[in-house]
Amino acid sequence: MTERLTFEPGVPDRRWGATPDELLKPMHHSGFQFWDEISETAQYLGGEAAFALAEHLTGVRITAELLETTTFICGSAEIG
């Protein structure tokens, strides 16, 4: 499996992966603010923009109800 894009929602300018710039247009449209666009609200947009980008990529609308009623499964594994 190839990692195409990885980034932290609060710092979208720091991207890596095989195609880190492939989704710049959708990221910008979803509300991510980049260094040259920093505003007073930039720190609060990362999470909202991440959900908007996820909706764009998957077609699944992320709503409060979806997050409240969905069962999430997670786990951890020790490496080494």
C-alpha atoms as a PDB file:
ATOM      1  CA  MET A   1       0.000   0.000   0.000  1.00  0.00           C
ATOM      2  CA  THR A   2       1.302   3.462  -0.907  1.00  0.00           C
ATOM      3  CA  GLU A   3       0.798   6.397   1.402  1.00  0.00           C
ATOM      4  CA  ARG A   4      -0.297   9.163  -0.968  1.00  0.00           C
ATOM      5  CA  LEU A   5      -0.937  12.041   1.438  1.00  0.00           C
ATOM      6  CA  THR A   6      -0.361  12.519   5.129  1.00  0.00           C
ATOM      7  CA  PHE A   7      -0.708  15.744   7.101  1.00  0.00           C
ATOM      8  CA  GLU A   8      -1.940  17.120  10.393  1.00  0.00           C
ATOM      9  CA  PRO A   9      -5.175  19.094   9.918  1.00  0.00           C
ATOM     10  CA  GLY A  10      -3.856  22.044  11.902  1.00  0.00           C
ATOM     11  CA  VAL A  11      -0.715  22.280   9.747  1.00  0.00           C
ATOM     12  CA  PRO A  12      -1.761  21.534   6.158  1.00  0.00           C
ATOM     13  CA  ASP A  13       1.419  23.083   4.741  1.00  0.00           C
ATOM     14  CA  ARG A  14       3.432  20.152   6.102  1.00  0.00           C
ATOM     15  CA  ARG A  15       2.367  17.326   3.804  1.00  0.00           C
ATOM     16  CA  TRP A  16       4.202  14.192   2.779  1.00  0.00           C
ATOM     17  CA  GLY A  17       3.577  10.986   0.897  1.00  0.00           C
ATOM     18  CA  ALA A  18       3.795   9.870  -2.735  1.00  0.00           C
ATOM     19  CA  THR A  19       1.485  12.671  -3.985  1.00  0.00           C
ATOM     20  CA  PRO A  20       1.386  15.332  -1.233  1.00  0.00           C
ATOM     21  CA  ASP A  21       0.018  18.091  -3.480  1.00  0.00           C
ATOM     22  CA  GLU A  22      -2.613  16.072  -5.347  1.00  0.00           C
ATOM     23  CA  LEU A  23      -5.482  17.285  -3.147  1.00  0.00           C
ATOM     24  CA  LEU A  24      -4.484  20.934  -2.717  1.00  0.00           C
ATOM     25  CA  LYS A  25      -7.575  22.235  -4.544  1.00  0.00           C
ATOM     26  CA  PRO A  26     -10.033  20.097  -2.530  1.00  0.00           C
ATOM     27  CA  MET A  27      -8.141  20.939   0.678  1.00  0.00           C
ATOM     28  CA  HIS A  28      -8.392  24.645  -0.030  1.00  0.00           C
ATOM     29  CA  HIS A  29     -12.066  24.320  -0.989  1.00  0.00           C
ATOM     30  CA  SER A  30     -12.729  22.369   2.240  1.00  0.00           C
ATOM     31  CA  GLY A  31     -11.442  25.257   4.334  1.00  0.00           C
ATOM     32  CA  PHE A  32      -7.801  24.496   5.050  1.00  0.00           C
ATOM     33  CA  GLN A  33      -5.735  27.655   5.436  1.00  0.00           C
ATOM     34  CA  PHE A  34      -2.141  27.652   4.330  1.00  0.00           C
ATOM     35  CA  TRP A  35       0.765  29.756   5.636  1.00  0.00           C
ATOM     36  CA  ASP A  36       0.198  32.612   3.225  1.00  0.00           C
ATOM     37  CA  GLU A  37      -3.482  32.776   4.256  1.00  0.00           C
ATOM     38  CA  ILE A  38      -3.215  32.594   8.035  1.00  0.00           C
ATOM     39  CA  SER A  39      -6.016  34.437   9.815  1.00  0.00           C
ATOM     40  CA  GLU A  40      -7.207  34.701  13.396  1.00  0.00           C
ATOM     41  CA  THR A  41      -9.516  31.709  12.876  1.00  0.00           C
ATOM     42  CA  ALA A  42      -6.941  29.426  11.228  1.00  0.00           C
ATOM     43  CA  GLN A  43      -6.297  27.427  14.398  1.00  0.00           C
ATOM     44  CA  TYR A  44      -9.986  26.491  14.630  1.00  0.00           C
ATOM     45  CA  LEU A  45     -10.507  25.383  11.032  1.00  0.00           C
ATOM     46  CA  GLY A  46      -8.321  22.260  10.968  1.00  0.00           C
ATOM     47  CA  GLY A  47     -10.929  19.887  12.386  1.00  0.00           C
ATOM     48  CA  GLU A  48     -13.864  21.279  10.436  1.00  0.00           C
ATOM     49  CA  ALA A  49     -11.834  21.319   7.229  1.00  0.00           C
ATOM     50  CA  ALA A  50     -10.709  17.726   7.835  1.00  0.00           C
ATOM     51  CA  PHE A  51     -14.329  16.554   8.068  1.00  0.00           C
ATOM     52  CA  ALA A  52     -15.222  18.527   4.938  1.00  0.00           C
ATOM     53  CA  LEU A  53     -12.303  16.944   3.049  1.00  0.00           C
ATOM     54  CA  ALA A  54     -13.325  13.470   4.274  1.00  0.00           C
ATOM     55  CA  GLU A  55     -16.844  14.122   2.978  1.00  0.00           C
ATOM     56  CA  HIS A  56     -15.447  15.268  -0.377  1.00  0.00           C
ATOM     57  CA  LEU A  57     -13.285  12.145  -0.700  1.00  0.00           C
ATOM     58  CA  THR A  58     -15.824   9.573   0.492  1.00  0.00           C
ATOM     59  CA  GLY A  59     -19.201  11.092  -0.282  1.00  0.00           C
ATOM     60  CA  VAL A  60     -20.265  10.412   3.320  1.00  0.00           C
ATOM     61  CA  ARG A  61     -21.622  13.465   5.165  1.00  0.00           C
ATOM     62  CA  ILE A  62     -20.137  13.616   8.642  1.00  0.00           C
ATOM     63  CA  THR A  63     -22.847  14.841  11.014  1.00  0.00           C
ATOM     64  CA  ALA A  64     -23.087  15.093  14.783  1.00  0.00           C
ATOM     65  CA  GLU A  65     -25.668  12.298  14.702  1.00  0.00           C
ATOM     66  CA  LEU A  66     -23.350  10.038  12.708  1.00  0.00           C
ATOM     67  CA  LEU A  67     -20.531  10.597  15.202  1.00  0.00           C
ATOM     68  CA  GLU A  68     -22.826  10.081  18.199  1.00  0.00           C
ATOM     69  CA  THR A  69     -24.490   6.872  16.953  1.00  0.00           C
ATOM     70  CA  THR A  70     -21.592   5.112  15.226  1.00  0.00           C
ATOM     71  CA  THR A  71     -19.717   2.388  17.049  1.00  0.00           C
ATOM     72  CA  PHE A  72     -15.984   2.924  16.723  1.00  0.00           C
ATOM     73  CA  ILE A  73     -13.537   0.076  17.110  1.00  0.00           C
ATOM     74  CA  CYS A  74      -9.888   0.669  17.812  1.00  0.00           C
ATOM     75  CA  GLY A  75      -6.933  -1.216  19.094  1.00  0.00           C
ATOM     76  CA  SER A  76      -3.242  -0.966  19.659  1.00  0.00           C
ATOM     77  CA  ALA A  77      -0.263  -3.170  19.073  1.00  0.00           C
ATOM     78  CA  GLU A  78       3.194  -3.017  20.506  1.00  0.00           C
ATOM     79  CA  ILE A  79       5.876  -2.717  17.866  1.00  0.00           C
ATOM     80  CA  GLY A  80       9.214  -4.218  18.512  1.00  0.00           C
END
